[in-house]
Every structure is written in structure tokens, then in C-alpha cells.
């Protein structure tokens, strides 16, 4: 009973800390930005007074989280941090979840897993409890990475699914007389989702002076979607060799629609194989019990005396 109480208390405390930091991080960043803007419009302020003017929870929580992030950076190898930063970019949440923030959450969850493992082993010292404690530590440490990987795969699937429809819109706009950039901007205004967000970011980079090819290559690096990479390469070759952009867009849209249909057919063909195992191991045993159970009991009564 004491072990269960300790485990419940640790879960509650850990969830409360993570939730508090999630709520206050974005708000604190906005307050700090407004304070800097207001400070720049007037006379030189007192830094100590500005720091004390911030909310106490902002000063305490953010300072503690920054300290945890520094420790997490020291404990995590450089290759892992690079891979984690890549997963954050693929998930499309880099504007809300920085690398330091994810590392802090990883370290807190890892500490929570160690505490749960110690409580589990102390409550029942055995090989099974030690194994369960190791599983808890590994699972809590890898939980943020699994969450980021899941978000990244979902975002890539969303982009892959929406790309043919967006290309159809751009093709219609280009054939109606709009330029490619104007047609792309129109699709961004009328669309939503991850693909519209990436195209809008590319348009912002183009307006800032970045060449179109470089802005589109940045999209490919941020998303790692093969269909989008193929589209970007086709656009680059069309602009380089003087091929009409509307013709290239129409061919690309048709090809991507065919690929989407093939993926749907492939997924439909996999359904019977996926249904076999639940049917054999879950449905058929229950069906046999319902149908043959009464007969088995009747035979047992008959031949048993």
C-alpha cells in the first residue's frame, strides 16, 4: 500500500511540474518581449527592478528549467542532441518546444522513472521488480523522443496526403494567368495544415531575399517527404531549362494523385492480414467457448457419473 501511495504521489508531482512549465513558458516569453520593447522606448531602466517585476513563478520555474536544461545537455551526447533537434523540426513544434525544453522534460521524466524504479524495488526486492524498474527508467527517458517521432510521422503523412490537392490549386491558378509565387501565396491563404504552413514560411523567406530554389530546399530539409522532394526537384529543373511551369505542375499533380491512390490500395490490401491475428487470438477463442462450452460440460456430466 505504501509503495502504491508513493508511486501515485510521484506521478502527480511530476505531471504538475511539467504542466506548470508548459503553461508558463510561452506566457513568460511574451511578457519578457513586451518588457524589452517598453524598456527600449523609454529611459535606461534598472535591470534589478525589471527582473523583480517579473512574476515569481516565472523567475523560479524558468530559472530551474534552464538549470535542468544545462544539466541535460551535459548528460546527453552531441549526436543524440542533434537527432533530437531534428525530430523537433520534423514534428513542426520548434516554435513552441525548444531543444532545451525537451531535454529538461527528458531529464525530469528520467528522474521520475528512477524514483519509481527505486520504490518498486524497495517494495518487492526481486529480479522481476529490478527488471520492471529498468523498463520504467528506459521508458520514461525515451518517452519524449517517441512522442516527437509520432508527431513527425503524422505530419509527414499529412503533407504527403495534402500535396496533390495543393498542386491542383496551384496549377489552376497558374493556368488562369497568375505567376507561380502568386499562385502559391493564394494556396497558402486558402489552405491550412502543415503543408500550407511550410509553403507560407518559404514565401516569407523568398520575400526576405532568399532564392526560390534555396527556400524550397529548406522545406525538403524540414519535412523529409519524398514526394515533396521530387516536386521541388522538378520545379528547379523547369525553371532552369525554361519548361512551362503549368505543364510541370499538372504532370506532378497527376503523378502524386496516382501515388496516393496506390498507397490507399496497398493499405486496403494489408487489412485482411492485419485482421487475421485479432480474429484468431481474440474472436475465435471466445466463439468456441460460447458454442462448445455447454456441450463440454454436458459430456463431462454424462461420462463422469
Foldseek 3Di string as FASTA:
>chain_A
DVLVVVLVVLVVVLVVLLVVCLVVVVVQVVVVVVVVVVCVVDDNDDPVVVVVPDDPCCVVSVVVLLVLLVVLVVVDDPVVLVVQQLLCLLLVCCVRAPSSNLSSQLVSLLVSLQVSLVSQCVVPPDPVSNVVSVVSNVCSNCVSVVVSNVSSVVQLVVCLVCVLVLLVQLLVVVVVPDDSLVSLVVSLVPDDGDNSVLSVVLSVVVVVPDDSLVSQVVSCSSHVHVLSVVLSVLVVVCVVVVNDPSVSSVVSSVVSVVVVVVVVVVVVVCVVVVVVVCCVPPVVVVVCCVPCVVVVVVVCVVVVD
